[in-house]
N, C-alpha and C. Protein backbone atom coordinates (compact mmCIF):
# COMPACT_ATOMS: atom_id res chain seq x y z
N GLN A 1 -7.68 -19.99 3.29
CA GLN A 1 -8.38 -18.73 3.10
C GLN A 1 -7.35 -17.61 2.98
N VAL A 2 -7.48 -16.82 1.92
CA VAL A 2 -6.54 -15.73 1.69
C VAL A 2 -6.94 -14.51 2.51
N GLN A 3 -5.97 -13.94 3.19
CA GLN A 3 -6.20 -12.70 3.93
C GLN A 3 -5.06 -11.74 3.70
N LEU A 4 -5.41 -10.49 3.49
CA LEU A 4 -4.44 -9.40 3.46
C LEU A 4 -4.85 -8.43 4.56
N VAL A 5 -3.96 -8.23 5.51
CA VAL A 5 -4.29 -7.39 6.66
C VAL A 5 -3.36 -6.19 6.69
N GLU A 6 -3.96 -5.01 6.49
CA GLU A 6 -3.18 -3.77 6.52
C GLU A 6 -3.11 -3.23 7.95
N SER A 7 -2.03 -2.55 8.23
CA SER A 7 -1.87 -1.89 9.52
C SER A 7 -0.93 -0.70 9.34
N GLY A 8 -0.90 0.15 10.35
CA GLY A 8 0.03 1.28 10.35
C GLY A 8 -0.59 2.62 10.01
N GLY A 9 -1.87 2.63 9.67
CA GLY A 9 -2.51 3.90 9.38
C GLY A 9 -2.72 4.72 10.64
N GLY A 10 -3.16 5.96 10.44
CA GLY A 10 -3.41 6.82 11.59
C GLY A 10 -3.46 8.28 11.19
N LEU A 11 -3.38 9.12 12.20
CA LEU A 11 -3.41 10.57 12.01
C LEU A 11 -1.98 11.11 12.10
N VAL A 12 -1.60 11.91 11.12
CA VAL A 12 -0.26 12.48 11.10
C VAL A 12 -0.34 13.91 10.58
N GLN A 13 0.57 14.73 11.01
CA GLN A 13 0.61 16.12 10.55
C GLN A 13 1.26 16.21 9.17
N PRO A 14 0.92 17.24 8.43
CA PRO A 14 1.60 17.44 7.14
C PRO A 14 3.11 17.48 7.32
N GLY A 15 3.80 16.80 6.39
CA GLY A 15 5.25 16.68 6.48
C GLY A 15 5.72 15.47 7.26
N GLY A 16 4.80 14.80 7.91
CA GLY A 16 5.16 13.64 8.71
C GLY A 16 5.30 12.38 7.89
N SER A 17 5.54 11.27 8.59
CA SER A 17 5.76 9.98 7.94
C SER A 17 4.93 8.89 8.59
N LEU A 18 4.61 7.90 7.79
CA LEU A 18 3.94 6.69 8.26
C LEU A 18 4.46 5.52 7.44
N THR A 19 4.45 4.35 8.05
CA THR A 19 4.76 3.13 7.32
C THR A 19 3.59 2.17 7.43
N LEU A 20 3.02 1.82 6.30
CA LEU A 20 1.94 0.85 6.25
C LEU A 20 2.51 -0.54 6.01
N SER A 21 1.86 -1.53 6.61
CA SER A 21 2.25 -2.93 6.41
C SER A 21 1.04 -3.70 5.90
N CYS A 22 1.32 -4.69 5.08
CA CYS A 22 0.28 -5.59 4.58
C CYS A 22 0.79 -7.01 4.78
N ALA A 23 0.20 -7.70 5.73
CA ALA A 23 0.58 -9.07 6.03
C ALA A 23 -0.33 -10.02 5.29
N ALA A 24 0.26 -10.87 4.47
CA ALA A 24 -0.52 -11.82 3.67
C ALA A 24 -0.51 -13.19 4.31
N SER A 25 -1.65 -13.87 4.24
CA SER A 25 -1.74 -15.26 4.68
C SER A 25 -2.61 -16.01 3.68
N GLY A 26 -2.35 -17.31 3.57
CA GLY A 26 -3.12 -18.12 2.64
C GLY A 26 -2.63 -18.04 1.21
N LEU A 27 -1.57 -17.30 0.98
CA LEU A 27 -0.96 -17.25 -0.33
C LEU A 27 0.50 -16.87 -0.18
N PRO A 28 1.32 -17.29 -1.13
CA PRO A 28 2.74 -16.90 -1.09
C PRO A 28 2.90 -15.53 -1.74
N ALA A 29 3.04 -14.50 -0.94
CA ALA A 29 3.11 -13.14 -1.49
C ALA A 29 4.23 -13.01 -2.51
N SER A 30 5.25 -13.84 -2.36
CA SER A 30 6.38 -13.76 -3.29
C SER A 30 5.96 -14.09 -4.72
N ALA A 31 4.86 -14.80 -4.90
CA ALA A 31 4.40 -15.19 -6.24
C ALA A 31 3.40 -14.21 -6.83
N TYR A 32 3.13 -13.16 -6.12
CA TYR A 32 2.12 -12.20 -6.55
C TYR A 32 2.73 -10.82 -6.76
N THR A 33 2.14 -10.06 -7.69
CA THR A 33 2.41 -8.63 -7.75
C THR A 33 1.62 -7.99 -6.62
N MET A 34 2.31 -7.22 -5.80
CA MET A 34 1.68 -6.60 -4.64
C MET A 34 1.58 -5.09 -4.88
N SER A 35 0.45 -4.53 -4.52
CA SER A 35 0.22 -3.11 -4.79
C SER A 35 -0.47 -2.46 -3.60
N TRP A 36 -0.32 -1.16 -3.55
CA TRP A 36 -1.09 -0.32 -2.63
C TRP A 36 -1.95 0.62 -3.47
N TYR A 37 -3.22 0.68 -3.11
CA TYR A 37 -4.17 1.60 -3.70
C TYR A 37 -4.70 2.51 -2.59
N ARG A 38 -5.32 3.60 -2.99
CA ARG A 38 -5.98 4.46 -2.00
C ARG A 38 -7.27 5.03 -2.58
N GLN A 39 -8.18 5.32 -1.66
CA GLN A 39 -9.47 5.85 -2.06
C GLN A 39 -9.88 6.95 -1.08
N ALA A 40 -9.98 8.15 -1.60
CA ALA A 40 -10.44 9.28 -0.80
C ALA A 40 -11.96 9.37 -0.91
N PRO A 41 -12.62 10.01 0.04
CA PRO A 41 -14.08 10.13 0.00
C PRO A 41 -14.56 10.75 -1.31
N GLY A 42 -15.52 10.07 -1.95
CA GLY A 42 -16.09 10.58 -3.18
C GLY A 42 -15.24 10.40 -4.41
N LYS A 43 -14.12 9.68 -4.26
CA LYS A 43 -13.23 9.47 -5.40
C LYS A 43 -13.04 8.00 -5.68
N GLU A 44 -12.47 7.71 -6.84
CA GLU A 44 -12.21 6.33 -7.22
C GLU A 44 -10.98 5.80 -6.48
N ARG A 45 -10.87 4.49 -6.46
CA ARG A 45 -9.69 3.84 -5.88
C ARG A 45 -8.57 3.90 -6.93
N ASP A 46 -7.46 4.46 -6.54
CA ASP A 46 -6.35 4.67 -7.47
C ASP A 46 -5.10 3.93 -7.02
N LEU A 47 -4.30 3.53 -8.00
CA LEU A 47 -3.02 2.88 -7.71
C LEU A 47 -2.05 3.89 -7.10
N VAL A 48 -1.40 3.49 -6.02
CA VAL A 48 -0.36 4.31 -5.39
C VAL A 48 1.02 3.78 -5.76
N ALA A 49 1.21 2.47 -5.58
CA ALA A 49 2.51 1.87 -5.86
C ALA A 49 2.34 0.38 -6.11
N LYS A 50 3.23 -0.17 -6.92
CA LYS A 50 3.15 -1.57 -7.28
C LYS A 50 4.56 -2.16 -7.32
N ILE A 51 4.68 -3.40 -6.85
CA ILE A 51 5.97 -4.08 -6.88
C ILE A 51 5.75 -5.50 -7.36
N THR A 52 6.54 -5.91 -8.35
CA THR A 52 6.37 -7.23 -8.94
C THR A 52 7.04 -8.30 -8.08
N GLN A 53 6.86 -9.55 -8.50
CA GLN A 53 7.45 -10.66 -7.76
C GLN A 53 8.97 -10.50 -7.64
N ALA A 54 9.58 -10.01 -8.71
CA ALA A 54 11.03 -9.86 -8.71
C ALA A 54 11.48 -8.61 -7.98
N ALA A 55 10.54 -7.75 -7.62
CA ALA A 55 10.83 -6.52 -6.86
C ALA A 55 11.77 -5.59 -7.61
N ARG A 56 11.71 -5.64 -8.94
CA ARG A 56 12.51 -4.72 -9.74
C ARG A 56 11.62 -3.60 -10.25
N SER A 57 12.17 -2.39 -10.31
CA SER A 57 11.49 -1.22 -10.90
C SER A 57 10.06 -1.06 -10.41
N PRO A 58 9.85 -0.78 -9.14
CA PRO A 58 8.50 -0.51 -8.66
C PRO A 58 7.87 0.65 -9.43
N ILE A 59 6.57 0.63 -9.50
CA ILE A 59 5.81 1.68 -10.18
C ILE A 59 5.13 2.54 -9.13
N TYR A 60 5.14 3.87 -9.36
CA TYR A 60 4.52 4.80 -8.44
C TYR A 60 3.61 5.77 -9.19
N ALA A 61 2.54 6.16 -8.52
CA ALA A 61 1.73 7.26 -9.04
C ALA A 61 2.57 8.53 -9.04
N ASP A 62 2.35 9.38 -10.01
CA ASP A 62 3.13 10.62 -10.11
C ASP A 62 3.02 11.44 -8.83
N SER A 63 1.87 11.39 -8.20
CA SER A 63 1.62 12.23 -7.02
C SER A 63 2.44 11.81 -5.81
N VAL A 64 3.01 10.60 -5.82
CA VAL A 64 3.75 10.12 -4.65
C VAL A 64 5.22 9.84 -4.96
N LYS A 65 5.63 9.99 -6.20
CA LYS A 65 7.03 9.72 -6.58
C LYS A 65 7.98 10.58 -5.75
N GLY A 66 9.02 9.93 -5.25
CA GLY A 66 10.00 10.65 -4.44
C GLY A 66 9.62 10.77 -2.98
N ARG A 67 8.39 10.44 -2.63
CA ARG A 67 7.93 10.54 -1.23
C ARG A 67 7.59 9.17 -0.64
N PHE A 68 7.05 8.27 -1.47
CA PHE A 68 6.63 6.95 -1.00
C PHE A 68 7.58 5.89 -1.54
N THR A 69 7.75 4.83 -0.76
CA THR A 69 8.57 3.70 -1.19
C THR A 69 7.86 2.40 -0.85
N ILE A 70 7.68 1.56 -1.86
CA ILE A 70 7.08 0.24 -1.64
C ILE A 70 8.20 -0.78 -1.55
N SER A 71 8.04 -1.74 -0.65
CA SER A 71 9.04 -2.80 -0.51
C SER A 71 8.34 -4.06 -0.06
N ARG A 72 9.06 -5.17 -0.17
CA ARG A 72 8.46 -6.45 0.23
C ARG A 72 9.49 -7.28 0.97
N ASP A 73 9.02 -8.03 1.94
CA ASP A 73 9.84 -8.99 2.68
C ASP A 73 9.17 -10.35 2.48
N ASN A 74 9.68 -11.10 1.52
CA ASN A 74 9.02 -12.37 1.19
C ASN A 74 9.12 -13.37 2.33
N ALA A 75 10.16 -13.28 3.11
CA ALA A 75 10.30 -14.20 4.24
C ALA A 75 9.19 -13.98 5.26
N LYS A 76 8.73 -12.73 5.37
CA LYS A 76 7.64 -12.41 6.30
C LYS A 76 6.28 -12.34 5.61
N ASN A 77 6.28 -12.58 4.29
CA ASN A 77 5.02 -12.51 3.53
C ASN A 77 4.33 -11.16 3.73
N THR A 78 5.13 -10.11 3.70
CA THR A 78 4.63 -8.78 4.04
C THR A 78 5.13 -7.76 3.03
N VAL A 79 4.28 -6.80 2.75
CA VAL A 79 4.62 -5.68 1.88
C VAL A 79 4.45 -4.39 2.67
N TYR A 80 5.32 -3.44 2.40
CA TYR A 80 5.32 -2.20 3.14
C TYR A 80 5.14 -1.00 2.21
N LEU A 81 4.64 0.08 2.77
CA LEU A 81 4.61 1.35 2.06
C LEU A 81 5.11 2.42 3.02
N GLN A 82 6.34 2.87 2.77
CA GLN A 82 6.91 3.95 3.56
C GLN A 82 6.46 5.27 2.94
N MET A 83 5.81 6.09 3.75
CA MET A 83 5.27 7.35 3.26
C MET A 83 5.91 8.51 4.00
N ASN A 84 6.64 9.34 3.26
CA ASN A 84 7.30 10.50 3.83
C ASN A 84 6.72 11.78 3.26
N SER A 85 7.00 12.88 3.92
CA SER A 85 6.54 14.21 3.46
C SER A 85 5.05 14.18 3.12
N LEU A 86 4.29 13.65 4.03
CA LEU A 86 2.86 13.47 3.77
C LEU A 86 2.16 14.82 3.62
N LYS A 87 1.17 14.81 2.72
CA LYS A 87 0.40 16.01 2.41
C LYS A 87 -1.08 15.76 2.77
N VAL A 88 -1.80 16.83 2.94
CA VAL A 88 -3.23 16.70 3.26
C VAL A 88 -3.94 15.86 2.19
N GLU A 89 -3.52 16.04 0.95
CA GLU A 89 -4.16 15.31 -0.15
C GLU A 89 -3.84 13.82 -0.18
N ASP A 90 -2.96 13.36 0.70
CA ASP A 90 -2.70 11.93 0.82
C ASP A 90 -3.74 11.25 1.72
N THR A 91 -4.61 12.02 2.32
CA THR A 91 -5.65 11.46 3.17
C THR A 91 -6.56 10.53 2.37
N ALA A 92 -6.69 9.29 2.84
CA ALA A 92 -7.49 8.29 2.13
C ALA A 92 -7.48 6.99 2.93
N VAL A 93 -8.31 6.06 2.48
CA VAL A 93 -8.17 4.68 2.95
C VAL A 93 -7.22 3.98 2.00
N TYR A 94 -6.21 3.35 2.57
CA TYR A 94 -5.19 2.66 1.79
C TYR A 94 -5.46 1.17 1.80
N TYR A 95 -5.44 0.57 0.61
CA TYR A 95 -5.75 -0.84 0.45
C TYR A 95 -4.56 -1.59 -0.12
N CYS A 96 -4.36 -2.78 0.38
CA CYS A 96 -3.34 -3.69 -0.16
C CYS A 96 -4.00 -4.61 -1.17
N ASN A 97 -3.28 -4.91 -2.25
CA ASN A 97 -3.79 -5.78 -3.30
C ASN A 97 -2.72 -6.80 -3.69
N ALA A 98 -3.17 -8.04 -3.90
CA ALA A 98 -2.30 -9.11 -4.40
C ALA A 98 -2.91 -9.64 -5.69
N ALA A 99 -2.13 -9.67 -6.75
CA ALA A 99 -2.66 -10.07 -8.05
C ALA A 99 -1.72 -11.03 -8.76
N ARG A 100 -2.35 -12.02 -9.39
CA ARG A 100 -1.58 -12.97 -10.20
C ARG A 100 -2.55 -13.68 -11.13
N THR A 101 -2.34 -13.57 -12.40
CA THR A 101 -3.22 -14.13 -13.44
C THR A 101 -4.67 -13.76 -13.13
N ILE A 102 -5.52 -14.76 -12.86
CA ILE A 102 -6.94 -14.49 -12.64
C ILE A 102 -7.24 -14.18 -11.17
N TYR A 103 -6.24 -14.26 -10.33
CA TYR A 103 -6.44 -14.08 -8.90
C TYR A 103 -6.18 -12.64 -8.49
N ASN A 104 -7.09 -12.12 -7.69
CA ASN A 104 -7.02 -10.71 -7.29
C ASN A 104 -7.63 -10.59 -5.90
N TYR A 105 -6.82 -10.20 -4.94
CA TYR A 105 -7.27 -10.14 -3.55
C TYR A 105 -7.06 -8.75 -2.98
N TRP A 106 -7.96 -8.36 -2.06
CA TRP A 106 -7.90 -7.05 -1.41
C TRP A 106 -7.92 -7.19 0.10
N GLY A 107 -7.24 -6.27 0.75
CA GLY A 107 -7.36 -6.14 2.19
C GLY A 107 -8.56 -5.27 2.53
N GLN A 108 -8.76 -5.07 3.83
CA GLN A 108 -9.92 -4.32 4.29
C GLN A 108 -9.66 -2.81 4.34
N GLY A 109 -8.39 -2.43 4.22
CA GLY A 109 -8.05 -1.01 4.20
C GLY A 109 -7.64 -0.47 5.55
N THR A 110 -6.81 0.56 5.50
CA THR A 110 -6.41 1.27 6.72
C THR A 110 -6.47 2.77 6.43
N GLN A 111 -7.02 3.51 7.38
CA GLN A 111 -7.24 4.94 7.18
C GLN A 111 -5.95 5.72 7.46
N VAL A 112 -5.61 6.60 6.54
CA VAL A 112 -4.51 7.55 6.74
C VAL A 112 -5.11 8.95 6.65
N THR A 113 -4.92 9.72 7.71
CA THR A 113 -5.43 11.08 7.74
C THR A 113 -4.26 12.03 7.99
N VAL A 114 -4.08 12.96 7.07
CA VAL A 114 -3.02 13.96 7.19
C VAL A 114 -3.68 15.30 7.47
N SER A 115 -3.45 15.81 8.66
CA SER A 115 -4.13 17.03 9.08
C SER A 115 -3.35 17.71 10.19
N SER A 116 -3.41 19.02 10.19
CA SER A 116 -2.77 19.78 11.27
C SER A 116 -3.78 20.07 12.37
């Protein structure tokens, strides 16, 4: 059974940092493109960052470039999202995604709230 379990969300002040983790089980994360998406209330789920199997040239949404960093540790079957200089508009539920050919898996999400 495939599971993606996100952790690391929480409440942080503007300008603060958080690191999200996505632990994968039931699949070799190294064989999948791993991504982070986010969904704010009343909005669509949007791509935040994506990293391929080879971990070369990650892709970032324009709104997070220079502030967020996606990385993967294949030995731990885990993907991370380091978020710095957080803004109020980064508030959302963050979801981990694993994709490969016809296979597409989602985690349950972790809430990130940026507020003073």
